[in-house]
PDB file of N, CA and C in Angstrom:
ATOM      1  N   UNK A   1       0.798  -0.998   0.147  1.00  0.00           N
ATOM      2  CA  UNK A   1       0.122  -0.222   0.189  1.00  0.00           C
ATOM      3  C   UNK A   1       1.190   1.352   0.044  1.00  0.00           C
ATOM      4  N   UNK A   2       0.552   2.269  -1.020  1.00  0.00           N
ATOM      5  CA  UNK A   2       1.181   3.241  -1.011  1.00  0.00           C
ATOM      6  C   UNK A   2       1.263   4.251   0.748  1.00  0.00           C
ATOM      7  N   UNK A   3       2.761   4.890   0.621  1.00  0.00           N
ATOM      8  CA  UNK A   3       2.251   5.978   1.931  1.00  0.00           C
ATOM      9  C   UNK A   3       1.409   7.169   1.412  1.00  0.00           C
ATOM     10  N   UNK A   4       0.581   7.489   2.906  1.00  0.00           N
ATOM     11  CA  UNK A   4      -0.084   8.918   2.293  1.00  0.00           C
ATOM     12  C   UNK A   4       0.296  10.003   1.958  1.00  0.00           C
ATOM     13  N   UNK A   5       0.315  10.658   1.464  1.00  0.00           N
ATOM     14  CA  UNK A   5       0.865  12.316   0.855  1.00  0.00           C
ATOM     15  C   UNK A   5       0.495  12.796   2.223  1.00  0.00           C
ATOM     16  N   UNK A   6       1.904  13.546   2.515  1.00  0.00           N
ATOM     17  CA  UNK A   6       1.458  15.003   4.379  1.00  0.00           C
ATOM     18  C   UNK A   6       0.966  16.098   3.184  1.00  0.00           C
ATOM     19  N   UNK A   7      -0.004  16.671   3.443  1.00  0.00           N
ATOM     20  CA  UNK A   7      -0.577  17.994   2.827  1.00  0.00           C
ATOM     21  C   UNK A   7       0.090  19.090   4.094  1.00  0.00           C
ATOM     22  N   UNK A   8       0.856  20.248   3.665  1.00  0.00           N
ATOM     23  CA  UNK A   8       1.085  21.277   4.434  1.00  0.00           C
ATOM     24  C   UNK A   8       0.990  22.608   3.478  1.00  0.00           C
ATOM     25  N   UNK A   9       0.425  23.093   4.608  1.00  0.00           N
ATOM     26  CA  UNK A   9      -0.172  24.778   3.663  1.00  0.00           C
ATOM     27  C   UNK A   9       0.989  25.609   4.273  1.00  0.00           C
ATOM     28  N   UNK A  10       1.613  26.043   3.082  1.00  0.00           N
ATOM     29  CA  UNK A  10       1.969  27.691   4.398  1.00  0.00           C
ATOM     30  C   UNK A  10       1.199  28.651   4.128  1.00  0.00           C
ATOM     31  N   UNK A  11       1.637  29.251   5.481  1.00  0.00           N
ATOM     32  CA  UNK A  11       0.919  30.518   6.336  1.00  0.00           C
ATOM     33  C   UNK A  11       1.571  32.209   5.927  1.00  0.00           C
ATOM     34  N   UNK A  12       3.197  31.885   5.543  1.00  0.00           N
ATOM     35  CA  UNK A  12       3.603  33.014   5.896  1.00  0.00           C
ATOM     36  C   UNK A  12       4.540  32.612   4.676  1.00  0.00           C
ATOM     37  N   UNK A  13       5.790  33.705   4.008  1.00  0.00           N
ATOM     38  CA  UNK A  13       6.801  33.516   3.368  1.00  0.00           C
ATOM     39  C   UNK A  13       7.959  32.715   4.366  1.00  0.00           C
ATOM     40  N   UNK A  14       7.721  32.935   5.318  1.00  0.00           N
ATOM     41  CA  UNK A  14       8.802  32.923   6.283  1.00  0.00           C
ATOM     42  C   UNK A  14       8.872  31.384   6.671  1.00  0.00           C
ATOM     43  N   UNK A  15       7.542  30.121   6.811  1.00  0.00           N
ATOM     44  CA  UNK A  15       8.081  29.464   6.846  1.00  0.00           C
ATOM     45  C   UNK A  15       8.676  28.231   6.216  1.00  0.00           C
ATOM     46  N   UNK A  16       9.096  27.028   7.240  1.00  0.00           N
ATOM     47  CA  UNK A  16       9.862  26.372   6.479  1.00  0.00           C
ATOM     48  C   UNK A  16      10.063  25.185   7.013  1.00  0.00           C
ATOM     49  N   UNK A  17       9.455  24.014   6.275  1.00  0.00           N
ATOM     50  CA  UNK A  17       9.291  22.401   6.308  1.00  0.00           C
ATOM     51  C   UNK A  17      10.479  21.647   6.307  1.00  0.00           C
ATOM     52  N   UNK A  18      11.812  22.357   5.522  1.00  0.00           N
ATOM     53  CA  UNK A  18      12.725  21.293   5.030  1.00  0.00           C
ATOM     54  C   UNK A  18      14.138  21.874   6.489  1.00  0.00           C
ATOM     55  N   UNK A  19      14.552  20.626   7.190  1.00  0.00           N
ATOM     56  CA  UNK A  19      15.616  21.581   7.900  1.00  0.00           C
ATOM     57  C   UNK A  19      16.895  20.095   6.941  1.00  0.00           C
ATOM     58  N   UNK A  20      17.744  21.290   7.121  1.00  0.00           N
ATOM     59  CA  UNK A  20      19.092  21.208   6.678  1.00  0.00           C
ATOM     60  C   UNK A  20      19.995  21.388   7.422  1.00  0.00           C
ATOM     61  N   UNK A  21      21.452  20.879   7.326  1.00  0.00           N
ATOM     62  CA  UNK A  21      22.775  21.215   7.869  1.00  0.00           C
ATOM     63  C   UNK A  21      23.014  22.851   7.542  1.00  0.00           C
ATOM     64  N   UNK A  22      23.088  23.706   8.664  1.00  0.00           N
ATOM     65  CA  UNK A  22      23.804  24.799   7.950  1.00  0.00           C
ATOM     66  C   UNK A  22      22.873  25.632   7.502  1.00  0.00           C
ATOM     67  N   UNK A  23      21.003  25.365   8.315  1.00  0.00           N
ATOM     68  CA  UNK A  23      20.458  26.681   7.556  1.00  0.00           C
ATOM     69  C   UNK A  23      20.088  27.670   8.140  1.00  0.00           C
ATOM     70  N   UNK A  24      20.671  27.743   9.288  1.00  0.00           N
ATOM     71  CA  UNK A  24      20.731  28.515   9.948  1.00  0.00           C
ATOM     72  C   UNK A  24      22.079  29.779   9.670  1.00  0.00           C
ATOM     73  N   UNK A  25      22.668  29.765   8.709  1.00  0.00           N
ATOM     74  CA  UNK A  25      24.032  30.213   8.430  1.00  0.00           C
ATOM     75  C   UNK A  25      23.501  31.776   8.035  1.00  0.00           C
ATOM     76  N   UNK A  26      24.333  32.698   8.345  1.00  0.00           N
ATOM     77  CA  UNK A  26      24.066  34.141   7.983  1.00  0.00           C
ATOM     78  C   UNK A  26      25.329  34.796   7.301  1.00  0.00           C
ATOM     79  N   UNK A  27      25.264  35.690   5.718  1.00  0.00           N
ATOM     80  CA  UNK A  27      26.639  35.906   5.754  1.00  0.00           C
ATOM     81  C   UNK A  27      27.242  37.299   6.781  1.00  0.00           C
ATOM     82  N   UNK A  28      28.080  37.477   6.070  1.00  0.00           N
ATOM     83  CA  UNK A  28      29.071  38.791   6.948  1.00  0.00           C
ATOM     84  C   UNK A  28      28.365  40.148   7.220  1.00  0.00           C
ATOM     85  N   UNK A  29      28.320  41.089   7.939  1.00  0.00           N
ATOM     86  CA  UNK A  29      27.537  42.586   7.617  1.00  0.00           C
ATOM     87  C   UNK A  29      28.444  42.908   6.539  1.00  0.00           C
ATOM     88  N   UNK A  30      29.337  42.714   6.300  1.00  0.00           N
ATOM     89  CA  UNK A  30      30.004  43.476   4.866  1.00  0.00           C
ATOM     90  C   UNK A  30      30.724  42.714   3.635  1.00  0.00           C
ATOM     91  N   UNK A  31      29.534  41.728   3.380  1.00  0.00           N
ATOM     92  CA  UNK A  31      29.548  41.348   2.350  1.00  0.00           C
ATOM     93  C   UNK A  31      29.139  42.200   1.439  1.00  0.00           C
ATOM     94  N   UNK A  32      29.830  41.581   0.008  1.00  0.00           N
ATOM     95  CA  UNK A  32      29.813  42.776  -1.562  1.00  0.00           C
ATOM     96  C   UNK A  32      29.380  41.398  -2.152  1.00  0.00           C
ATOM     97  N   UNK A  33      27.668  41.892  -2.826  1.00  0.00           N
ATOM     98  CA  UNK A  33      26.960  41.108  -3.244  1.00  0.00           C
ATOM     99  C   UNK A  33      27.183  41.578  -5.035  1.00  0.00           C
ATOM    100  N   UNK A  34      27.103  43.079  -4.982  1.00  0.00           N
ATOM    101  CA  UNK A  34      27.512  43.664  -6.425  1.00  0.00           C
ATOM    102  C   UNK A  34      29.153  43.787  -6.616  1.00  0.00           C
ATOM    103  N   UNK A  35      29.951  43.088  -7.090  1.00  0.00           N
ATOM    104  CA  UNK A  35      31.274  43.607  -7.309  1.00  0.00           C
ATOM    105  C   UNK A  35      31.472  44.567  -8.560  1.00  0.00           C
ATOM    106  N   UNK A  36      31.870  45.844  -8.106  1.00  0.00           N
ATOM    107  CA  UNK A  36      31.898  46.974  -9.207  1.00  0.00           C
ATOM    108  C   UNK A  36      33.060  47.139  -9.137  1.00  0.00           C
ATOM    109  N   UNK A  37      34.349  46.292  -9.361  1.00  0.00           N
ATOM    110  CA  UNK A  37      35.703  46.847  -9.470  1.00  0.00           C
ATOM    111  C   UNK A  37      35.881  47.002 -11.181  1.00  0.00           C
ATOM    112  N   UNK A  38      36.997  47.307 -11.662  1.00  0.00           N
ATOM    113  CA  UNK A  38      37.163  47.428 -12.930  1.00  0.00           C
ATOM    114  C   UNK A  38      37.084  45.862 -13.781  1.00  0.00           C
ATOM    115  N   UNK A  39      37.745  45.263 -12.994  1.00  0.00           N
ATOM    116  CA  UNK A  39      37.633  43.705 -13.094  1.00  0.00           C
ATOM    117  C   UNK A  39      36.186  43.468 -13.927  1.00  0.00           C
ATOM    118  N   UNK A  40      35.533  43.469 -13.077  1.00  0.00           N
ATOM    119  CA  UNK A  40      34.002  42.922 -12.302  1.00  0.00           C
ATOM    120  C   UNK A  40      33.354  44.133 -13.728  1.00  0.00           C
ATOM    121  N   UNK A  41      33.736  45.362 -14.178  1.00  0.00           N
ATOM    122  CA  UNK A  41      32.694  45.497 -15.183  1.00  0.00           C
ATOM    123  C   UNK A  41      33.286  45.115 -16.244  1.00  0.00           C
ATOM    124  N   UNK A  42      35.091  44.941 -16.735  1.00  0.00           N
ATOM    125  CA  UNK A  42      34.912  43.845 -17.912  1.00  0.00           C
ATOM    126  C   UNK A  42      34.635  42.901 -17.989  1.00  0.00           C
ATOM    127  N   UNK A  43      34.883  41.721 -17.380  1.00  0.00           N
ATOM    128  CA  UNK A  43      34.016  40.946 -17.481  1.00  0.00           C
ATOM    129  C   UNK A  43      32.703  41.062 -17.854  1.00  0.00           C
ATOM    130  N   UNK A  44      32.000  41.649 -17.095  1.00  0.00           N
ATOM    131  CA  UNK A  44      30.464  41.702 -17.656  1.00  0.00           C
ATOM    132  C   UNK A  44      30.386  42.541 -18.936  1.00  0.00           C
ATOM    133  N   UNK A  45      31.076  43.400 -19.456  1.00  0.00           N
ATOM    134  CA  UNK A  45      30.718  43.931 -21.041  1.00  0.00           C
ATOM    135  C   UNK A  45      31.144  42.880 -21.626  1.00  0.00           C
ATOM    136  N   UNK A  46      32.281  41.643 -21.568  1.00  0.00           N
ATOM    137  CA  UNK A  46      32.698  41.059 -21.970  1.00  0.00           C
ATOM    138  C   UNK A  46      31.835  39.826 -22.182  1.00  0.00           C
ATOM    139  N   UNK A  47      31.271  39.220 -20.990  1.00  0.00           N
ATOM    140  CA  UNK A  47      30.173  38.452 -21.051  1.00  0.00           C
ATOM    141  C   UNK A  47      28.783  39.136 -21.939  1.00  0.00           C
ATOM    142  N   UNK A  48      28.017  40.326 -21.777  1.00  0.00           N
ATOM    143  CA  UNK A  48      27.124  40.792 -22.675  1.00  0.00           C
ATOM    144  C   UNK A  48      27.380  40.894 -23.836  1.00  0.00           C
ATOM    145  N   UNK A  49      28.946  41.121 -24.343  1.00  0.00           N
ATOM    146  CA  UNK A  49      29.039  40.811 -25.832  1.00  0.00           C
ATOM    147  C   UNK A  49      28.746  39.662 -25.991  1.00  0.00           C
ATOM    148  N   UNK A  50      29.334  38.663 -25.486  1.00  0.00           N
ATOM    149  CA  UNK A  50      29.733  37.555 -26.408  1.00  0.00           C
ATOM    150  C   UNK A  50      28.382  36.948 -26.241  1.00  0.00           C
ATOM    151  N   UNK A  51      27.516  36.948 -25.408  1.00  0.00           N
ATOM    152  CA  UNK A  51      26.090  36.462 -25.333  1.00  0.00           C
ATOM    153  C   UNK A  51      24.930  37.396 -26.426  1.00  0.00           C
ATOM    154  N   UNK A  52      25.239  38.627 -26.295  1.00  0.00           N
ATOM    155  CA  UNK A  52      24.547  39.222 -27.529  1.00  0.00           C
ATOM    156  C   UNK A  52      25.175  38.459 -28.833  1.00  0.00           C
ATOM    157  N   UNK A  53      26.360  38.754 -29.424  1.00  0.00           N
ATOM    158  CA  UNK A  53      26.521  37.690 -30.382  1.00  0.00           C
ATOM    159  C   UNK A  53      25.822  36.755 -30.620  1.00  0.00           C
ATOM    160  N   UNK A  54      26.186  35.605 -29.450  1.00  0.00           N
ATOM    161  CA  UNK A  54      25.222  33.858 -29.779  1.00  0.00           C
ATOM    162  C   UNK A  54      24.181  34.163 -30.010  1.00  0.00           C
ATOM    163  N   UNK A  55      23.458  35.146 -29.344  1.00  0.00           N
ATOM    164  CA  UNK A  55      21.794  35.611 -29.469  1.00  0.00           C
ATOM    165  C   UNK A  55      21.643  35.784 -30.903  1.00  0.00           C
ATOM    166  N   UNK A  56      22.317  36.595 -31.232  1.00  0.00           N
ATOM    167  CA  UNK A  56      22.151  37.167 -32.515  1.00  0.00           C
ATOM    168  C   UNK A  56      21.965  35.628 -33.901  1.00  0.00           C
ATOM    169  N   UNK A  57      23.231  35.514 -33.778  1.00  0.00           N
ATOM    170  CA  UNK A  57      23.722  34.327 -34.876  1.00  0.00           C
ATOM    171  C   UNK A  57      22.601  33.515 -34.527  1.00  0.00           C
ATOM    172  N   UNK A  58      22.591  32.564 -33.190  1.00  0.00           N
ATOM    173  CA  UNK A  58      21.435  31.566 -32.766  1.00  0.00           C
ATOM    174  C   UNK A  58      20.373  31.680 -33.491  1.00  0.00           C
ATOM    175  N   UNK A  59      19.628  33.252 -33.220  1.00  0.00           N
ATOM    176  CA  UNK A  59      18.410  33.334 -33.783  1.00  0.00           C
ATOM    177  C   UNK A  59      18.581  33.083 -34.825  1.00  0.00           C
ATOM    178  N   UNK A  60      19.535  34.091 -35.475  1.00  0.00           N
ATOM    179  CA  UNK A  60      19.597  34.431 -37.554  1.00  0.00           C
ATOM    180  C   UNK A  60      19.653  32.666 -38.135  1.00  0.00           C
ATOM    181  N   UNK A  61      20.705  31.795 -37.585  1.00  0.00           N
ATOM    182  CA  UNK A  61      21.069  30.690 -38.185  1.00  0.00           C
ATOM    183  C   UNK A  61      20.218  29.852 -37.725  1.00  0.00           C
ATOM    184  N   UNK A  62      19.168  29.800 -36.934  1.00  0.00           N
ATOM    185  CA  UNK A  62      18.435  28.540 -36.657  1.00  0.00           C
ATOM    186  C   UNK A  62      16.945  29.044 -36.773  1.00  0.00           C
ATOM    187  N   UNK A  63      16.495  30.100 -36.050  1.00  0.00           N
ATOM    188  CA  UNK A  63      15.295  30.462 -35.729  1.00  0.00           C
ATOM    189  C   UNK A  63      14.675  31.265 -36.886  1.00  0.00           C
ATOM    190  N   UNK A  64      15.464  31.782 -38.117  1.00  0.00           N
ATOM    191  CA  UNK A  64      15.530  32.761 -39.655  1.00  0.00           C
ATOM    192  C   UNK A  64      14.923  34.076 -38.344  1.00  0.00           C
ATOM    193  N   UNK A  65      15.300  34.608 -37.831  1.00  0.00           N
ATOM    194  CA  UNK A  65      15.008  36.386 -37.517  1.00  0.00           C
ATOM    195  C   UNK A  65      15.191  36.975 -38.084  1.00  0.00           C
ATOM    196  N   UNK A  66      13.984  37.936 -38.526  1.00  0.00           N
ATOM    197  CA  UNK A  66      14.059  39.015 -39.441  1.00  0.00           C
ATOM    198  C   UNK A  66      13.938  40.215 -38.688  1.00  0.00           C
ATOM    199  N   UNK A  67      15.423  41.157 -38.134  1.00  0.00           N
ATOM    200  CA  UNK A  67      14.479  42.250 -37.701  1.00  0.00           C
ATOM    201  C   UNK A  67      14.402  42.916 -38.611  1.00  0.00           C
ATOM    202  N   UNK A  68      12.951  44.548 -38.579  1.00  0.00           N
ATOM    203  CA  UNK A  68      12.898  45.233 -39.731  1.00  0.00           C
ATOM    204  C   UNK A  68      12.969  46.773 -38.845  1.00  0.00           C
ATOM    205  N   UNK A  69      13.810  47.381 -39.414  1.00  0.00           N
ATOM    206  CA  UNK A  69      13.866  48.570 -38.666  1.00  0.00           C
ATOM    207  C   UNK A  69      13.771  49.706 -39.970  1.00  0.00           C
ATOM    208  N   UNK A  70      12.165  49.988 -39.221  1.00  0.00           N
ATOM    209  CA  UNK A  70      12.048  51.470 -40.516  1.00  0.00           C
ATOM    210  C   UNK A  70      11.733  52.661 -39.760  1.00  0.00           C
ATOM    211  N   UNK A  71      12.674  52.936 -38.774  1.00  0.00           N
ATOM    212  CA  UNK A  71      12.642  54.241 -38.067  1.00  0.00           C
ATOM    213  C   UNK A  71      13.843  54.652 -37.878  1.00  0.00           C
ATOM    214  N   UNK A  72      13.835  55.926 -37.785  1.00  0.00           N
ATOM    215  CA  UNK A  72      15.004  56.314 -37.644  1.00  0.00           C
ATOM    216  C   UNK A  72      15.275  57.201 -36.548  1.00  0.00           C
ATOM    217  N   UNK A  73      16.067  56.209 -35.484  1.00  0.00           N
ATOM    218  CA  UNK A  73      15.614  56.750 -34.070  1.00  0.00           C
ATOM    219  C   UNK A  73      16.735  58.055 -33.956  1.00  0.00           C
ATOM    220  N   UNK A  74      17.354  58.109 -34.784  1.00  0.00           N
ATOM    221  CA  UNK A  74      18.252  59.330 -33.867  1.00  0.00           C
ATOM    222  C   UNK A  74      17.529  60.676 -34.127  1.00  0.00           C
ATOM    223  N   UNK A  75      15.920  60.885 -34.569  1.00  0.00           N
ATOM    224  CA  UNK A  75      15.196  61.575 -34.457  1.00  0.00           C
ATOM    225  C   UNK A  75      14.602  61.929 -33.102  1.00  0.00           C
ATOM    226  N   UNK A  76      14.590  60.531 -32.669  1.00  0.00           N
ATOM    227  CA  UNK A  76      14.277  61.240 -30.725  1.00  0.00           C
ATOM    228  C   UNK A  76      15.165  60.622 -30.021  1.00  0.00           C
ATOM    229  N   UNK A  77      16.300  61.329 -30.311  1.00  0.00           N
ATOM    230  CA  UNK A  77      17.460  61.211 -29.399  1.00  0.00           C
ATOM    231  C   UNK A  77      16.789  61.848 -28.371  1.00  0.00           C
ATOM    232  N   UNK A  78      16.486  62.806 -27.935  1.00  0.00           N
ATOM    233  CA  UNK A  78      16.331  64.657 -27.003  1.00  0.00           C
ATOM    234  C   UNK A  78      14.793  64.205 -26.662  1.00  0.00           C
ATOM    235  N   UNK A  79      13.845  63.098 -27.086  1.00  0.00           N
ATOM    236  CA  UNK A  79      12.617  63.163 -26.689  1.00  0.00           C
ATOM    237  C   UNK A  79      12.364  61.626 -26.281  1.00  0.00           C
ATOM    238  N   UNK A  80      11.180  61.761 -26.065  1.00  0.00           N
ATOM    239  CA  UNK A  80      10.559  60.156 -25.911  1.00  0.00           C
ATOM    240  C   UNK A  80       9.996  59.563 -26.560  1.00  0.00           C
ATOM    241  N   UNK A  81      10.388  57.840 -27.047  1.00  0.00           N
ATOM    242  CA  UNK A  81       9.168  57.402 -27.724  1.00  0.00           C
ATOM    243  C   UNK A  81       8.799  56.073 -27.188  1.00  0.00           C
ATOM    244  N   UNK A  82       7.809  55.201 -27.768  1.00  0.00           N
ATOM    245  CA  UNK A  82       7.342  54.069 -27.500  1.00  0.00           C
ATOM    246  C   UNK A  82       7.764  52.571 -28.596  1.00  0.00           C
ATOM    247  N   UNK A  83       8.313  52.015 -27.930  1.00  0.00           N
ATOM    248  CA  UNK A  83       8.805  50.992 -28.857  1.00  0.00           C
ATOM    249  C   UNK A  83       7.888  49.738 -29.083  1.00  0.00           C
ATOM    250  N   UNK A  84       7.352  48.985 -29.919  1.00  0.00           N
ATOM    251  CA  UNK A  84       6.446  48.279 -29.622  1.00  0.00           C
ATOM    252  C   UNK A  84       7.624  47.014 -30.731  1.00  0.00           C
ATOM    253  N   UNK A  85       7.067  45.884 -30.026  1.00  0.00           N
ATOM    254  CA  UNK A  85       8.194  44.873 -30.793  1.00  0.00           C
ATOM    255  C   UNK A  85       7.097  43.827 -30.889  1.00  0.00           C
ATOM    256  N   UNK A  86       6.742  42.793 -32.077  1.00  0.00           N
ATOM    257  CA  UNK A  86       5.678  41.994 -31.987  1.00  0.00           C
ATOM    258  C   UNK A  86       6.766  40.548 -32.333  1.00  0.00           C
ATOM    259  N   UNK A  87       7.006  39.461 -32.274  1.00  0.00           N
ATOM    260  CA  UNK A  87       7.535  38.628 -32.659  1.00  0.00           C
ATOM    261  C   UNK A  87       6.223  37.288 -33.334  1.00  0.00           C
ATOM    262  N   UNK A  88       6.077  36.373 -34.097  1.00  0.00           N
ATOM    263  CA  UNK A  88       5.279  35.746 -34.661  1.00  0.00           C
ATOM    264  C   UNK A  88       6.565  33.964 -34.596  1.00  0.00           C
ATOM    265  N   UNK A  89       7.539  33.694 -33.677  1.00  0.00           N
ATOM    266  CA  UNK A  89       8.129  32.762 -33.513  1.00  0.00           C
ATOM    267  C   UNK A  89       6.851  31.637 -32.153  1.00  0.00           C
ATOM    268  N   UNK A  90       6.454  30.632 -32.393  1.00  0.00           N
ATOM    269  CA  UNK A  90       6.168  29.589 -31.544  1.00  0.00           C
ATOM    270  C   UNK A  90       6.785  29.897 -30.760  1.00  0.00           C
ATOM    271  N   UNK A  91       8.138  30.098 -30.057  1.00  0.00           N
ATOM    272  CA  UNK A  91       8.784  29.830 -28.997  1.00  0.00           C
ATOM    273  C   UNK A  91       8.677  30.698 -27.633  1.00  0.00           C
ATOM    274  N   UNK A  92       8.264  30.287 -27.015  1.00  0.00           N
ATOM    275  CA  UNK A  92       8.131  31.689 -25.988  1.00  0.00           C
ATOM    276  C   UNK A  92       7.170  31.695 -25.628  1.00  0.00           C
ATOM    277  N   UNK A  93       5.894  31.069 -26.207  1.00  0.00           N
ATOM    278  CA  UNK A  93       4.904  31.595 -26.227  1.00  0.00           C
ATOM    279  C   UNK A  93       3.372  30.850 -25.229  1.00  0.00           C
ATOM    280  N   UNK A  94       4.570  29.523 -24.652  1.00  0.00           N
ATOM    281  CA  UNK A  94       4.162  28.398 -24.312  1.00  0.00           C
ATOM    282  C   UNK A  94       3.060  28.823 -22.680  1.00  0.00           C
TER     283      UNK A  94
END
């Protein structure tokens, strides 16, 4: 006979039903979440550039993405504009 499932309901976002070793660990008060040094900025720029190139090539080669630009965006440099984008690929529509 199969074991009965135990149903538990969360009452707050702080409820925790799982107990594990070290779950009370806290970070030091001076821990740096976001590195902002020269090396970190360079690494972020390189990763962004590599990701951008990869995504552009992947979209072009495998999904045959075509971007149509029929607006001269320089005319809106000193003002605002609403940009609308639409896609016709079924990926991401789930």
